[in-house]
């Protein structure tokens, strides 16, 4: 399971939930989240949990430039996703390889994720997002991409989108996923945009080769809605740790539910 945070209390909820289930966990910051928290500050926060024995790994999620991804590597992130999927294919290959080479020159145990395919939508609640098979990761291209870049994980598109949609149903194309798996055997595949997907389809994706599942929008909604309810209920309360406790618990509950869905508990 991979979950994004932008505040220290969110991170604490994620780590505690995983620890109670004896599950490893990945936590991430997008470029915007990292800019808010601070790249070095995020790395130090996660490192403090690692020193206390928690199995948590920090990922630079959807970093789209050399500059921001290098910042994450230099700050001590455990892994990075260089998302150059919107660039022409050869440019995607070149930038991903450049990041992979630099990352390993700095840290021999860092892992690098690349992305291939057009993952539509954004990490928010939307009415509709157009989904087309033409956006899917092409198996033959995935094989070439992995071979030339040397990535450790590959983010793929097979019906998934970023965010939650309210006026359409999301469905994964498991057949398309199976073809990608056949093209790049042994490479862990990553499902981004799992918020809003039916639980059974997430299970099917895992059973058919997905090793890492990203959830973000559902967590944001849970945090926002619970905080809004709490502030309306106690409008005079000004002590942050008091009105932030309910959204903290809401996120922790959701993390546990997702980790159980992914089959993570008991793996460490």
Protein backbone atom coordinates (compact mmCIF):
# COMPACT_ATOMS: atom_id res chain seq x y z
CA UNK A 1 0.00 0.00 0.00
CA UNK A 2 1.14 3.53 -0.87
CA UNK A 3 -0.48 6.59 0.73
CA UNK A 4 0.28 10.30 0.31
CA UNK A 5 0.66 12.77 3.16
CA UNK A 6 1.06 16.52 3.44
CA UNK A 7 1.02 16.90 7.24
CA UNK A 8 2.82 15.16 10.09
CA UNK A 9 -0.42 13.94 11.68
CA UNK A 10 -1.42 12.20 8.44
CA UNK A 11 1.94 10.44 8.30
CA UNK A 12 1.58 9.37 11.94
CA UNK A 13 -1.85 7.88 11.21
CA UNK A 14 -0.46 5.89 8.29
CA UNK A 15 2.51 4.51 10.21
CA UNK A 16 0.46 3.60 13.30
CA UNK A 17 -2.18 1.82 11.20
CA UNK A 18 0.44 -0.25 9.39
CA UNK A 19 2.26 -1.10 12.61
CA UNK A 20 -0.92 -2.32 14.28
CA UNK A 21 -1.45 -4.68 11.34
CA UNK A 22 2.23 -5.66 11.23
CA UNK A 23 2.30 -4.50 7.64
CA UNK A 24 4.97 -2.69 5.61
CA UNK A 25 3.84 0.58 4.08
CA UNK A 26 4.94 3.14 1.51
CA UNK A 27 4.20 6.81 2.08
CA UNK A 28 4.63 9.48 -0.53
CA UNK A 29 4.71 13.16 -1.28
CA UNK A 30 3.85 14.58 -4.68
CA UNK A 31 5.74 17.65 -5.86
CA UNK A 32 3.06 19.89 -4.34
CA UNK A 33 2.96 17.95 -1.07
CA UNK A 34 6.75 17.90 -0.82
CA UNK A 35 6.91 21.63 -1.49
CA UNK A 36 4.45 22.14 1.39
CA UNK A 37 6.07 19.76 3.88
CA UNK A 38 9.66 20.19 2.69
CA UNK A 39 11.63 17.42 1.00
CA UNK A 40 14.26 17.18 3.75
CA UNK A 41 11.63 17.55 6.45
CA UNK A 42 9.56 14.68 5.00
CA UNK A 43 12.65 12.48 4.79
CA UNK A 44 13.65 13.25 8.38
CA UNK A 45 10.13 12.55 9.65
CA UNK A 46 10.02 9.15 7.94
CA UNK A 47 13.58 8.36 9.04
CA UNK A 48 12.53 8.95 12.66
CA UNK A 49 9.92 6.21 12.32
CA UNK A 50 12.42 3.91 10.60
CA UNK A 51 14.84 4.37 13.50
CA UNK A 52 12.05 3.31 15.87
CA UNK A 53 11.64 0.06 13.94
CA UNK A 54 8.67 0.86 11.70
CA UNK A 55 8.71 -0.68 8.22
CA UNK A 56 7.91 2.47 6.27
CA UNK A 57 9.43 3.72 3.00
CA UNK A 58 9.28 7.24 1.57
CA UNK A 59 8.51 7.76 -2.12
CA UNK A 60 8.73 10.89 -4.27
CA UNK A 61 5.38 10.41 -5.98
CA UNK A 62 4.78 11.69 -9.53
CA UNK A 63 7.82 13.92 -9.68
CA UNK A 64 7.89 15.21 -13.23
CA UNK A 65 11.17 17.05 -13.62
CA UNK A 66 14.88 16.42 -13.20
CA UNK A 67 15.08 19.23 -10.63
CA UNK A 68 12.36 18.06 -8.22
CA UNK A 69 13.30 14.38 -8.49
CA UNK A 70 16.97 15.19 -7.85
CA UNK A 71 15.86 17.21 -4.81
CA UNK A 72 14.08 14.15 -3.43
CA UNK A 73 17.06 11.88 -4.09
CA UNK A 74 19.45 14.31 -2.43
CA UNK A 75 17.09 14.67 0.56
CA UNK A 76 17.28 10.94 1.22
CA UNK A 77 14.01 9.53 -0.13
CA UNK A 78 13.95 5.73 -0.25
CA UNK A 79 12.45 5.63 -3.73
CA UNK A 80 11.34 8.00 -6.48
CA UNK A 81 8.78 7.97 -9.27
CA UNK A 82 9.95 10.01 -12.22
CA UNK A 83 6.71 10.50 -14.13
CA UNK A 84 7.68 11.61 -17.61
CA UNK A 85 4.72 9.83 -19.19
CA UNK A 86 3.33 13.02 -20.74
CA UNK A 87 6.56 13.55 -22.69
CA UNK A 88 7.23 11.96 -26.09
CA UNK A 89 8.33 8.36 -25.60
CA UNK A 90 12.04 8.85 -26.30
CA UNK A 91 12.14 11.84 -23.95
CA UNK A 92 10.45 9.73 -21.26
CA UNK A 93 13.11 7.04 -21.70
CA UNK A 94 15.96 9.55 -21.59
CA UNK A 95 14.77 11.40 -18.46
CA UNK A 96 13.87 8.20 -16.61
CA UNK A 97 17.28 6.66 -17.34
CA UNK A 98 19.03 9.87 -16.31
CA UNK A 99 17.20 9.81 -12.96
CA UNK A 100 17.87 6.09 -12.44
CA UNK A 101 21.58 6.52 -13.13
CA UNK A 102 21.88 9.54 -10.84
CA UNK A 103 19.84 7.95 -8.03
CA UNK A 104 22.07 4.89 -7.90
CA UNK A 105 25.22 6.99 -8.01
CA UNK A 106 23.99 8.70 -4.82
CA UNK A 107 22.35 5.77 -3.02
CA UNK A 108 23.01 2.14 -3.95
CA UNK A 109 19.79 0.88 -2.39
CA UNK A 110 17.35 3.50 -3.70
CA UNK A 111 14.65 2.21 -6.06
CA UNK A 112 13.31 4.02 -9.11
CA UNK A 113 9.86 3.85 -10.66
CA UNK A 114 8.96 4.94 -14.17
CA UNK A 115 5.55 5.49 -15.75
CA UNK A 116 4.21 4.51 -19.14
CA UNK A 117 0.76 5.25 -20.52
CA UNK A 118 -1.62 8.21 -20.16
CA UNK A 119 -3.12 8.28 -16.65
CA UNK A 120 -5.96 10.78 -16.85
CA UNK A 121 -7.71 12.72 -14.08
CA UNK A 122 -6.42 14.49 -10.98
CA UNK A 123 -6.34 13.65 -7.26
CA UNK A 124 -9.74 15.13 -6.45
CA UNK A 125 -13.45 14.43 -6.80
CA UNK A 126 -14.53 14.81 -10.45
CA UNK A 127 -17.78 14.13 -12.32
CA UNK A 128 -16.34 12.23 -15.29
CA UNK A 129 -12.95 11.38 -16.76
CA UNK A 130 -12.63 10.08 -20.30
CA UNK A 131 -11.03 6.62 -20.39
CA UNK A 132 -9.72 5.18 -23.65
CA UNK A 133 -7.79 1.97 -24.43
CA UNK A 134 -5.48 4.16 -26.48
CA UNK A 135 -4.19 5.53 -23.16
CA UNK A 136 -3.18 2.10 -21.89
CA UNK A 137 0.40 1.01 -21.41
CA UNK A 138 1.50 -0.87 -24.52
CA UNK A 139 3.15 -4.20 -23.63
CA UNK A 140 5.83 -4.08 -26.31
CA UNK A 141 6.72 -0.52 -25.33
CA UNK A 142 6.82 -1.50 -21.64
CA UNK A 143 9.39 -4.19 -22.45
CA UNK A 144 11.57 -1.70 -24.32
CA UNK A 145 11.15 0.95 -21.61
CA UNK A 146 12.18 -1.32 -18.75
CA UNK A 147 15.15 -2.65 -20.71
CA UNK A 148 16.49 0.78 -21.62
CA UNK A 149 15.84 2.64 -18.36
CA UNK A 150 16.57 -0.05 -15.77
CA UNK A 151 13.64 0.95 -13.55
CA UNK A 152 12.78 -1.19 -10.52
CA UNK A 153 9.00 -0.64 -10.77
CA UNK A 154 6.67 0.38 -13.57
CA UNK A 155 3.48 2.43 -13.17
CA UNK A 156 0.98 1.23 -15.75
CA UNK A 157 -2.41 2.24 -17.16
CA UNK A 158 -5.16 -0.30 -17.80
CA UNK A 159 -8.39 1.56 -17.07
CA UNK A 160 -7.25 3.36 -13.91
CA UNK A 161 -7.50 7.13 -13.47
CA UNK A 162 -6.43 9.67 -10.88
CA UNK A 163 -9.09 10.77 -8.43
CA UNK A 164 -12.73 9.81 -7.83
CA UNK A 165 -15.56 10.16 -10.35
CA UNK A 166 -19.19 10.64 -9.32
CA UNK A 167 -21.06 10.14 -12.60
CA UNK A 168 -19.41 7.06 -14.07
CA UNK A 169 -18.16 3.65 -12.98
CA UNK A 170 -14.46 2.86 -12.97
CA UNK A 171 -13.34 -0.53 -14.21
CA UNK A 172 -9.94 -2.08 -14.76
CA UNK A 173 -9.05 -4.02 -17.89
CA UNK A 174 -7.46 -7.11 -16.34
CA UNK A 175 -6.78 -8.60 -19.77
CA UNK A 176 -4.65 -5.58 -20.66
CA UNK A 177 -2.80 -5.94 -17.35
CA UNK A 178 -2.05 -9.60 -18.05
CA UNK A 179 -0.45 -8.69 -21.38
CA UNK A 180 1.80 -6.14 -19.68
CA UNK A 181 2.83 -8.71 -17.06
CA UNK A 182 3.78 -11.15 -19.82
CA UNK A 183 5.89 -8.47 -21.50
CA UNK A 184 7.86 -7.49 -18.36
CA UNK A 185 8.00 -10.58 -16.13
CA UNK A 186 9.64 -9.97 -12.78
CA UNK A 187 9.08 -6.19 -12.78
CA UNK A 188 6.75 -5.04 -9.96
CA UNK A 189 3.82 -3.16 -11.48
CA UNK A 190 2.19 -0.19 -9.77
CA UNK A 191 -1.52 0.70 -9.78
CA UNK A 192 -1.96 4.44 -9.42
CA UNK A 193 -5.40 5.98 -9.01
CA UNK A 194 -6.97 3.17 -6.97
CA UNK A 195 -9.29 5.57 -5.12
CA UNK A 196 -12.88 4.78 -6.06
CA UNK A 197 -12.15 1.44 -7.69
CA UNK A 198 -14.30 -1.56 -6.67
CA UNK A 199 -12.55 -3.66 -4.04
CA UNK A 200 -12.92 -6.83 -6.09
CA UNK A 201 -11.17 -5.26 -9.08
CA UNK A 202 -8.26 -4.14 -6.90
CA UNK A 203 -7.98 -7.71 -5.63
CA UNK A 204 -8.00 -9.00 -9.21
CA UNK A 205 -5.26 -6.55 -10.17
CA UNK A 206 -3.11 -7.77 -7.27
CA UNK A 207 -3.77 -11.40 -8.17
CA UNK A 208 -2.68 -10.65 -11.74
CA UNK A 209 0.62 -8.92 -11.02
CA UNK A 210 0.16 -5.54 -9.33
CA UNK A 211 2.61 -5.23 -6.42
CA UNK A 212 1.99 -1.66 -5.24
CA UNK A 213 -1.36 0.16 -4.92
CA UNK A 214 -1.69 3.95 -4.54
CA UNK A 215 -4.51 5.60 -2.61
CA UNK A 216 -4.69 9.37 -2.19
CA UNK A 217 -8.02 11.03 -3.05
CA UNK A 218 -10.11 8.83 -0.74
CA UNK A 219 -7.83 9.77 2.15
CA UNK A 220 -8.04 13.46 1.34
CA UNK A 221 -11.84 13.27 1.29
CA UNK A 222 -11.95 11.40 4.61
CA UNK A 223 -9.63 13.93 6.25
CA UNK A 224 -11.46 16.95 4.81
CA UNK A 225 -14.99 15.78 5.56
CA UNK A 226 -14.22 14.66 9.11
CA UNK A 227 -12.37 17.90 9.88
CA UNK A 228 -15.26 19.92 8.45
CA UNK A 229 -17.75 18.04 10.63
CA UNK A 230 -15.59 18.52 13.71
CA UNK A 231 -15.18 22.27 13.18
CA UNK A 232 -18.92 22.66 12.66
CA UNK A 233 -19.62 20.65 15.82
CA UNK A 234 -17.09 22.55 17.95
CA UNK A 235 -16.74 25.99 16.30
CA UNK A 236 -15.12 27.54 19.38
CA UNK A 237 -12.39 24.90 19.69
CA UNK A 238 -8.98 26.38 18.82
CA UNK A 239 -6.64 23.63 20.03
CA UNK A 240 -5.33 21.86 16.92
CA UNK A 241 -4.60 18.47 18.48
CA UNK A 242 -8.22 18.31 19.64
CA UNK A 243 -10.00 19.07 16.36
CA UNK A 244 -7.40 17.17 14.32
CA UNK A 245 -7.87 13.97 16.33
CA UNK A 246 -11.08 12.83 14.55
CA UNK A 247 -9.67 13.24 11.01
CA UNK A 248 -6.51 11.47 12.24
CA UNK A 249 -8.63 8.52 13.38
CA UNK A 250 -10.65 8.54 10.16
CA UNK A 251 -7.50 8.26 8.07
CA UNK A 252 -6.08 5.56 10.33
CA UNK A 253 -9.26 3.53 9.98
CA UNK A 254 -9.21 3.84 6.20
CA UNK A 255 -5.53 2.85 5.98
CA UNK A 256 -6.27 -0.33 7.91
CA UNK A 257 -9.16 -1.17 5.61
CA UNK A 258 -7.00 -0.64 2.52
CA UNK A 259 -4.07 -2.66 3.84
CA UNK A 260 -6.40 -5.53 4.68
CA UNK A 261 -7.86 -5.31 1.17
CA UNK A 262 -4.35 -5.44 -0.33
CA UNK A 263 -3.46 -8.49 1.74
CA UNK A 264 -0.55 -6.74 3.46
CA UNK A 265 -1.06 -7.66 7.15
CA UNK A 266 1.32 -10.17 8.62
CA UNK A 267 3.96 -9.87 5.90
CA UNK A 268 6.71 -8.67 8.25
